[in-house]
């Protein structure tokens, strides 16, 4: 008697994610185009696809990762989150080289100096800047958004 192997929904989503991660960045970019708004900035999409690839399970997931860049909705931070995010205003305002590595190393140093919980501090920072609890890598997202946008969102959130 032969056994028939059946895939459930979870396995199919996992398999689809594996397929997505096997695509080149260019192939994934092209495959995501039908799922984004026609007026989506294609240069932005090309920047985000490599960052989103490892997180995507379905091609439609790209819309989740585009949201902080195209239709930002501020998250309401509670008092503790505001207190955690506040020191980053001064820190980031003083950074002239707006690059991922500089942003990340400076933020980690600040968190250690202030004896803050890295998880809490970076979650507050993520929510202030992206309006989301989950998303693309935080410091890469900050570099893409640019200093002006990040500072405006951060100051508005606190």
C-alpha atoms as a PDB file:
ATOM      1  CA  UNK A   1       0.000   0.000   0.000  1.00  0.00           C
ATOM      2  CA  UNK A   2       1.369   3.397  -1.042  1.00  0.00           C
ATOM      3  CA  UNK A   3       1.330   6.346   1.315  1.00  0.00           C
ATOM      4  CA  UNK A   4       0.218   9.631  -0.122  1.00  0.00           C
ATOM      5  CA  UNK A   5       2.073  12.626   1.186  1.00  0.00           C
ATOM      6  CA  UNK A   6      -0.114  15.664   1.734  1.00  0.00           C
ATOM      7  CA  UNK A   7       1.076  19.154   2.465  1.00  0.00           C
ATOM      8  CA  UNK A   8      -0.952  21.300   4.827  1.00  0.00           C
ATOM      9  CA  UNK A   9      -1.247  25.073   4.770  1.00  0.00           C
ATOM     10  CA  UNK A  10       1.706  25.609   7.098  1.00  0.00           C
ATOM     11  CA  UNK A  11       3.999  23.452   4.976  1.00  0.00           C
ATOM     12  CA  UNK A  12       2.930  25.156   1.764  1.00  0.00           C
ATOM     13  CA  UNK A  13       3.613  28.604   3.202  1.00  0.00           C
ATOM     14  CA  UNK A  14       7.017  27.436   4.439  1.00  0.00           C
ATOM     15  CA  UNK A  15       7.804  25.938   1.028  1.00  0.00           C
ATOM     16  CA  UNK A  16       6.744  29.156  -0.671  1.00  0.00           C
ATOM     17  CA  UNK A  17       9.066  31.117   1.622  1.00  0.00           C
ATOM     18  CA  UNK A  18      11.926  28.810   0.688  1.00  0.00           C
ATOM     19  CA  UNK A  19      11.163  29.406  -2.983  1.00  0.00           C
ATOM     20  CA  UNK A  20      11.175  33.188  -2.433  1.00  0.00           C
ATOM     21  CA  UNK A  21      14.530  33.064  -0.624  1.00  0.00           C
ATOM     22  CA  UNK A  22      15.953  31.089  -3.557  1.00  0.00           C
ATOM     23  CA  UNK A  23      15.139  33.847  -6.036  1.00  0.00           C
ATOM     24  CA  UNK A  24      17.672  36.476  -6.985  1.00  0.00           C
ATOM     25  CA  UNK A  25      16.874  39.995  -5.790  1.00  0.00           C
ATOM     26  CA  UNK A  26      16.059  40.982  -9.373  1.00  0.00           C
ATOM     27  CA  UNK A  27      13.698  38.026  -9.850  1.00  0.00           C
ATOM     28  CA  UNK A  28      11.947  38.749  -6.562  1.00  0.00           C
ATOM     29  CA  UNK A  29      11.625  42.434  -7.437  1.00  0.00           C
ATOM     30  CA  UNK A  30       9.954  41.525 -10.736  1.00  0.00           C
ATOM     31  CA  UNK A  31       7.629  39.014  -9.068  1.00  0.00           C
ATOM     32  CA  UNK A  32       6.501  41.560  -6.460  1.00  0.00           C
ATOM     33  CA  UNK A  33       5.542  44.231  -9.000  1.00  0.00           C
ATOM     34  CA  UNK A  34       1.977  42.927  -9.539  1.00  0.00           C
ATOM     35  CA  UNK A  35       1.328  43.146  -5.785  1.00  0.00           C
ATOM     36  CA  UNK A  36       2.307  46.770  -5.210  1.00  0.00           C
ATOM     37  CA  UNK A  37       0.474  49.935  -6.161  1.00  0.00           C
ATOM     38  CA  UNK A  38       1.257  51.187  -9.655  1.00  0.00           C
ATOM     39  CA  UNK A  39       2.630  54.456  -8.248  1.00  0.00           C
ATOM     40  CA  UNK A  40       5.053  52.711  -5.872  1.00  0.00           C
ATOM     41  CA  UNK A  41       8.553  54.142  -6.139  1.00  0.00           C
ATOM     42  CA  UNK A  42      10.425  51.403  -8.016  1.00  0.00           C
ATOM     43  CA  UNK A  43      13.802  52.559  -6.710  1.00  0.00           C
ATOM     44  CA  UNK A  44      12.484  52.198  -3.156  1.00  0.00           C
ATOM     45  CA  UNK A  45      11.085  48.759  -3.938  1.00  0.00           C
ATOM     46  CA  UNK A  46      14.477  47.672  -5.294  1.00  0.00           C
ATOM     47  CA  UNK A  47      16.086  48.800  -2.023  1.00  0.00           C
ATOM     48  CA  UNK A  48      13.549  46.971   0.130  1.00  0.00           C
ATOM     49  CA  UNK A  49      13.350  43.638  -1.704  1.00  0.00           C
ATOM     50  CA  UNK A  50      16.739  42.326  -0.472  1.00  0.00           C
ATOM     51  CA  UNK A  51      15.847  43.310   3.100  1.00  0.00           C
ATOM     52  CA  UNK A  52      12.402  41.715   2.897  1.00  0.00           C
ATOM     53  CA  UNK A  53      13.461  38.514   1.146  1.00  0.00           C
ATOM     54  CA  UNK A  54      14.447  36.588   4.285  1.00  0.00           C
ATOM     55  CA  UNK A  55      11.162  37.526   5.999  1.00  0.00           C
ATOM     56  CA  UNK A  56       8.735  36.918   3.147  1.00  0.00           C
ATOM     57  CA  UNK A  57       6.539  33.843   3.003  1.00  0.00           C
ATOM     58  CA  UNK A  58       4.253  35.066   0.219  1.00  0.00           C
ATOM     59  CA  UNK A  59       4.767  37.618  -2.538  1.00  0.00           C
ATOM     60  CA  UNK A  60       1.970  39.721  -1.049  1.00  0.00           C
ATOM     61  CA  UNK A  61       4.090  40.159   2.089  1.00  0.00           C
ATOM     62  CA  UNK A  62       5.990  42.908   0.293  1.00  0.00           C
ATOM     63  CA  UNK A  63       3.056  45.238   0.976  1.00  0.00           C
ATOM     64  CA  UNK A  64       3.562  44.772   4.723  1.00  0.00           C
ATOM     65  CA  UNK A  65       7.192  45.817   4.447  1.00  0.00           C
ATOM     66  CA  UNK A  66       6.427  48.777   2.183  1.00  0.00           C
ATOM     67  CA  UNK A  67       3.904  50.279   4.575  1.00  0.00           C
ATOM     68  CA  UNK A  68       6.313  52.307   6.788  1.00  0.00           C
ATOM     69  CA  UNK A  69       7.809  53.833   3.652  1.00  0.00           C
ATOM     70  CA  UNK A  70       4.651  54.552   1.684  1.00  0.00           C
ATOM     71  CA  UNK A  71       1.750  54.875   4.133  1.00  0.00           C
ATOM     72  CA  UNK A  72       3.202  55.520   7.586  1.00  0.00           C
ATOM     73  CA  UNK A  73       0.747  55.538  10.463  1.00  0.00           C
ATOM     74  CA  UNK A  74       2.238  56.679  13.766  1.00  0.00           C
ATOM     75  CA  UNK A  75       2.045  54.257  16.669  1.00  0.00           C
ATOM     76  CA  UNK A  76       0.931  55.549  20.043  1.00  0.00           C
ATOM     77  CA  UNK A  77       3.811  55.042  22.445  1.00  0.00           C
ATOM     78  CA  UNK A  78       3.095  54.640  26.134  1.00  0.00           C
ATOM     79  CA  UNK A  79       5.019  56.667  28.730  1.00  0.00           C
ATOM     80  CA  UNK A  80       7.696  53.978  29.202  1.00  0.00           C
ATOM     81  CA  UNK A  81       8.250  53.672  25.440  1.00  0.00           C
ATOM     82  CA  UNK A  82       8.502  57.442  25.076  1.00  0.00           C
ATOM     83  CA  UNK A  83      11.105  57.530  27.836  1.00  0.00           C
ATOM     84  CA  UNK A  84      13.069  54.768  26.071  1.00  0.00           C
ATOM     85  CA  UNK A  85      12.910  56.538  22.692  1.00  0.00           C
ATOM     86  CA  UNK A  86      13.686  60.050  23.947  1.00  0.00           C
ATOM     87  CA  UNK A  87      17.503  59.732  24.221  1.00  0.00           C
ATOM     88  CA  UNK A  88      17.682  58.774  20.544  1.00  0.00           C
ATOM     89  CA  UNK A  89      16.562  62.257  19.466  1.00  0.00           C
ATOM     90  CA  UNK A  90      19.769  63.886  20.682  1.00  0.00           C
ATOM     91  CA  UNK A  91      21.887  60.943  19.576  1.00  0.00           C
ATOM     92  CA  UNK A  92      20.607  60.787  15.997  1.00  0.00           C
ATOM     93  CA  UNK A  93      20.476  64.561  15.647  1.00  0.00           C
ATOM     94  CA  UNK A  94      24.235  64.608  16.193  1.00  0.00           C
ATOM     95  CA  UNK A  95      25.016  61.947  13.579  1.00  0.00           C
ATOM     96  CA  UNK A  96      26.234  63.399  10.300  1.00  0.00           C
ATOM     97  CA  UNK A  97      27.023  60.096   8.539  1.00  0.00           C
ATOM     98  CA  UNK A  98      23.543  58.589   8.116  1.00  0.00           C
ATOM     99  CA  UNK A  99      24.586  55.009   7.419  1.00  0.00           C
ATOM    100  CA  UNK A 100      23.301  51.741   8.850  1.00  0.00           C
ATOM    101  CA  UNK A 101      26.528  50.777  10.611  1.00  0.00           C
ATOM    102  CA  UNK A 102      26.943  54.189  12.271  1.00  0.00           C
ATOM    103  CA  UNK A 103      23.289  54.325  13.355  1.00  0.00           C
ATOM    104  CA  UNK A 104      23.386  50.816  14.806  1.00  0.00           C
ATOM    105  CA  UNK A 105      26.701  51.135  16.638  1.00  0.00           C
ATOM    106  CA  UNK A 106      25.745  54.532  18.077  1.00  0.00           C
ATOM    107  CA  UNK A 107      22.343  53.284  19.220  1.00  0.00           C
ATOM    108  CA  UNK A 108      23.770  50.163  20.849  1.00  0.00           C
ATOM    109  CA  UNK A 109      26.394  52.238  22.644  1.00  0.00           C
ATOM    110  CA  UNK A 110      23.710  54.657  23.859  1.00  0.00           C
ATOM    111  CA  UNK A 111      21.518  51.819  25.149  1.00  0.00           C
ATOM    112  CA  UNK A 112      24.466  50.307  27.027  1.00  0.00           C
ATOM    113  CA  UNK A 113      25.522  53.667  28.520  1.00  0.00           C
ATOM    114  CA  UNK A 114      21.996  54.400  29.732  1.00  0.00           C
ATOM    115  CA  UNK A 115      21.578  50.827  30.997  1.00  0.00           C
ATOM    116  CA  UNK A 116      18.368  50.409  29.007  1.00  0.00           C
ATOM    117  CA  UNK A 117      16.898  47.104  27.926  1.00  0.00           C
ATOM    118  CA  UNK A 118      17.947  46.723  24.271  1.00  0.00           C
ATOM    119  CA  UNK A 119      14.678  44.975  23.436  1.00  0.00           C
ATOM    120  CA  UNK A 120      12.518  47.695  24.984  1.00  0.00           C
ATOM    121  CA  UNK A 121      14.589  50.585  23.653  1.00  0.00           C
ATOM    122  CA  UNK A 122      14.764  49.298  20.094  1.00  0.00           C
ATOM    123  CA  UNK A 123      11.088  48.297  20.067  1.00  0.00           C
ATOM    124  CA  UNK A 124      10.152  51.832  21.130  1.00  0.00           C
ATOM    125  CA  UNK A 125      12.467  53.224  18.468  1.00  0.00           C
ATOM    126  CA  UNK A 126      11.018  50.900  15.810  1.00  0.00           C
ATOM    127  CA  UNK A 127       7.451  51.818  16.691  1.00  0.00           C
ATOM    128  CA  UNK A 128       8.243  55.543  16.699  1.00  0.00           C
ATOM    129  CA  UNK A 129       9.968  55.419  13.324  1.00  0.00           C
ATOM    130  CA  UNK A 130       7.983  52.796  11.418  1.00  0.00           C
ATOM    131  CA  UNK A 131       4.681  52.732  13.282  1.00  0.00           C
ATOM    132  CA  UNK A 132       4.978  48.926  13.392  1.00  0.00           C
ATOM    133  CA  UNK A 133       6.098  46.271  15.881  1.00  0.00           C
ATOM    134  CA  UNK A 134       7.584  44.110  13.149  1.00  0.00           C
ATOM    135  CA  UNK A 135       9.252  44.957   9.887  1.00  0.00           C
ATOM    136  CA  UNK A 136      12.487  45.231   8.020  1.00  0.00           C
ATOM    137  CA  UNK A 137      15.781  45.649   9.876  1.00  0.00           C
ATOM    138  CA  UNK A 138      15.512  48.840  11.910  1.00  0.00           C
ATOM    139  CA  UNK A 139      18.764  50.594  11.089  1.00  0.00           C
ATOM    140  CA  UNK A 140      18.625  49.729   7.389  1.00  0.00           C
ATOM    141  CA  UNK A 141      15.096  51.156   7.365  1.00  0.00           C
ATOM    142  CA  UNK A 142      16.325  54.317   9.053  1.00  0.00           C
ATOM    143  CA  UNK A 143      19.042  54.772   6.444  1.00  0.00           C
ATOM    144  CA  UNK A 144      16.525  54.373   3.612  1.00  0.00           C
ATOM    145  CA  UNK A 145      13.995  56.730   5.220  1.00  0.00           C
ATOM    146  CA  UNK A 146      16.687  59.356   5.716  1.00  0.00           C
ATOM    147  CA  UNK A 147      17.568  61.563   8.654  1.00  0.00           C
ATOM    148  CA  UNK A 148      14.891  64.213   8.060  1.00  0.00           C
ATOM    149  CA  UNK A 149      12.025  61.703   8.043  1.00  0.00           C
ATOM    150  CA  UNK A 150      13.401  59.686  10.964  1.00  0.00           C
ATOM    151  CA  UNK A 151      13.933  62.752  13.132  1.00  0.00           C
ATOM    152  CA  UNK A 152      10.467  64.099  12.358  1.00  0.00           C
ATOM    153  CA  UNK A 153       8.799  60.772  13.199  1.00  0.00           C
ATOM    154  CA  UNK A 154      10.858  60.291  16.338  1.00  0.00           C
ATOM    155  CA  UNK A 155      10.159  63.783  17.670  1.00  0.00           C
ATOM    156  CA  UNK A 156       6.449  63.455  16.841  1.00  0.00           C
ATOM    157  CA  UNK A 157       6.216  60.124  18.654  1.00  0.00           C
ATOM    158  CA  UNK A 158       7.630  61.421  21.912  1.00  0.00           C
END
